Structure formats: structure tokens, C-alpha cells
Protein backbone atom coordinates (compact mmCIF):
# COMPACT_ATOMS: atom_id res chain seq x y z
CA MET A 1 102.11 229.72 122.72
CA THR A 2 105.28 229.29 124.71
CA ASP A 3 108.72 228.85 123.20
CA ALA A 4 108.68 225.20 124.29
CA THR A 5 105.31 224.65 122.58
CA ASN A 6 106.54 226.36 119.40
CA ARG A 7 109.66 224.21 119.42
CA ALA A 8 107.58 221.06 119.95
CA ALA A 9 105.34 222.06 117.01
CA GLU A 10 108.45 222.55 114.81
CA LEU A 11 109.83 219.15 115.83
CA LEU A 12 106.47 217.53 115.20
CA ALA A 13 106.29 219.08 111.72
CA GLY A 14 109.80 217.83 110.96
CA HIS A 15 108.94 214.29 112.04
CA ARG A 16 105.75 214.36 109.99
CA ASP A 17 107.65 215.56 106.91
CA SER A 18 110.07 212.66 107.33
CA ILE A 19 107.21 210.21 107.78
CA ASP A 20 105.55 211.50 104.60
CA ARG A 21 108.78 211.06 102.61
CA LEU A 22 109.28 207.57 104.02
CA ASP A 23 105.68 206.62 103.18
CA ALA A 24 106.34 207.66 99.58
CA ILE A 25 109.53 205.59 99.53
CA LEU A 26 107.61 202.57 100.87
CA VAL A 27 104.90 202.90 98.22
CA TYR A 28 107.36 203.24 95.33
CA THR A 29 109.53 200.42 96.73
CA LEU A 30 106.52 198.11 97.02
CA ALA A 31 105.45 199.01 93.48
CA GLU A 32 108.93 198.14 92.18
CA ARG A 33 108.94 194.89 94.15
CA PHE A 34 105.56 193.87 92.74
CA LYS A 35 106.72 194.61 89.18
CA HIS A 36 109.44 192.02 89.71
CA THR A 37 107.19 189.49 91.42
CA LYS A 38 104.67 189.81 88.57
CA ALA A 39 107.46 189.03 86.12
CA VAL A 40 108.38 186.01 88.26
CA GLY A 41 104.73 184.92 88.19
CA ARG A 42 104.63 185.11 84.40
CA LEU A 43 107.85 183.08 84.16
CA LYS A 44 106.50 180.46 86.54
CA ALA A 45 103.28 180.20 84.56
CA GLU A 46 105.12 179.93 81.24
CA HIS A 47 107.32 177.13 82.58
CA ASP A 48 104.62 175.38 84.60
CA LEU A 49 106.33 176.04 87.94
CA PRO A 50 104.35 176.15 91.20
CA PRO A 51 103.12 179.60 92.30
CA SER A 52 104.72 179.31 95.73
CA ASP A 53 108.22 178.30 96.81
CA PRO A 54 108.08 177.41 100.53
CA ALA A 55 111.87 177.01 100.82
CA ARG A 56 112.48 180.47 99.32
CA GLU A 57 109.75 181.98 101.49
CA ALA A 58 111.28 180.49 104.66
CA GLN A 59 114.71 181.76 103.61
CA GLN A 60 113.32 185.25 103.02
CA ILE A 61 111.54 185.30 106.38
CA GLU A 62 114.75 184.26 108.13
CA ARG A 63 116.68 186.94 106.22
CA LEU A 64 114.09 189.60 107.06
CA GLU A 65 114.17 188.60 110.71
CA TRP A 66 117.95 189.15 110.74
CA LEU A 67 117.63 192.47 108.88
CA SER A 68 114.92 193.69 111.23
CA LYS A 69 117.10 192.96 114.25
CA GLU A 70 119.97 194.86 112.60
CA ALA A 71 117.63 197.78 111.89
CA ASP A 72 116.11 197.74 115.39
CA LEU A 73 112.67 196.87 114.02
CA ASP A 74 110.39 194.43 115.81
CA PRO A 75 111.13 191.07 114.09
CA GLU A 76 107.57 189.84 114.64
CA PHE A 77 106.19 192.90 112.85
CA ALA A 78 108.67 192.38 110.01
CA LYS A 79 107.64 188.71 109.66
CA LYS A 80 103.95 189.61 109.60
CA PHE A 81 104.63 192.27 106.98
CA LEU A 82 106.63 189.93 104.76
CA ASN A 83 104.07 187.15 105.15
CA PHE A 84 101.38 189.58 104.00
CA ILE A 85 103.44 190.50 100.93
CA ILE A 86 104.21 186.85 100.17
CA GLN A 87 100.51 185.96 100.28
CA GLU A 88 99.75 188.79 97.83
CA VAL A 89 102.51 187.59 95.51
CA ILE A 90 101.26 183.99 95.62
CA GLN A 91 97.76 185.19 94.73
CA HIS A 92 99.18 187.07 91.74
CA HIS A 93 101.15 183.99 90.68
CA GLN A 94 98.05 181.80 90.97
CA LYS A 95 96.16 184.21 88.70
CA HIS A 96 98.90 183.82 86.08
CA GLN A 97 98.59 180.03 86.32
CA LYS A 98 94.91 180.16 85.28
């Protein structure tokens, strides 16, 4: 292998190590988030509140869109990601209602 190829392999390994660490952060962050949303679902069920809050969801999507622009992340991707999470949370809340 050439020096350039060796250097590219080192850079690639460094990027992959960072990606692996970030994936772990994402998983633990999502787990923490869902612990809180499950607690919210239990509270809503105990107090007979609706499982979804469209005004809050719209506010969060708007906030995430702003954050994604600040972070140089595709806002459409961020919205799709948050919508996916919101749908999961609503399903959990609906289970608590039953």
C-alpha cells in the first residue's frame, strides 16, 4: 500500500470510530427520551388527557427545523425523524390509555 492509501485507511478508521461513538450516544439519548415520554404517557392516562398534543407536536417540529438549520442538518430529514419519534410516542401513550 502507498502512503496515501495508508493515510486514507487511518482517516477512514477515525471517522468510523467517531460514527460508532455517535451511534451509541444516539441510542442512549433515544432511550432516555423514551423513558420521559413513557412517564408522560402514564400521566396522561392517569388524568384522562389525550395521547397526542398537536399544538406541542407542531411547536417541536418548528423548533427542530430551526435547530437542524443551525446544526447544518437537512431540515426535511430532521422533520421526518421527529415525526417518526412522535408517532412512536403516541402509540405508547395510546397503549397506556387502554
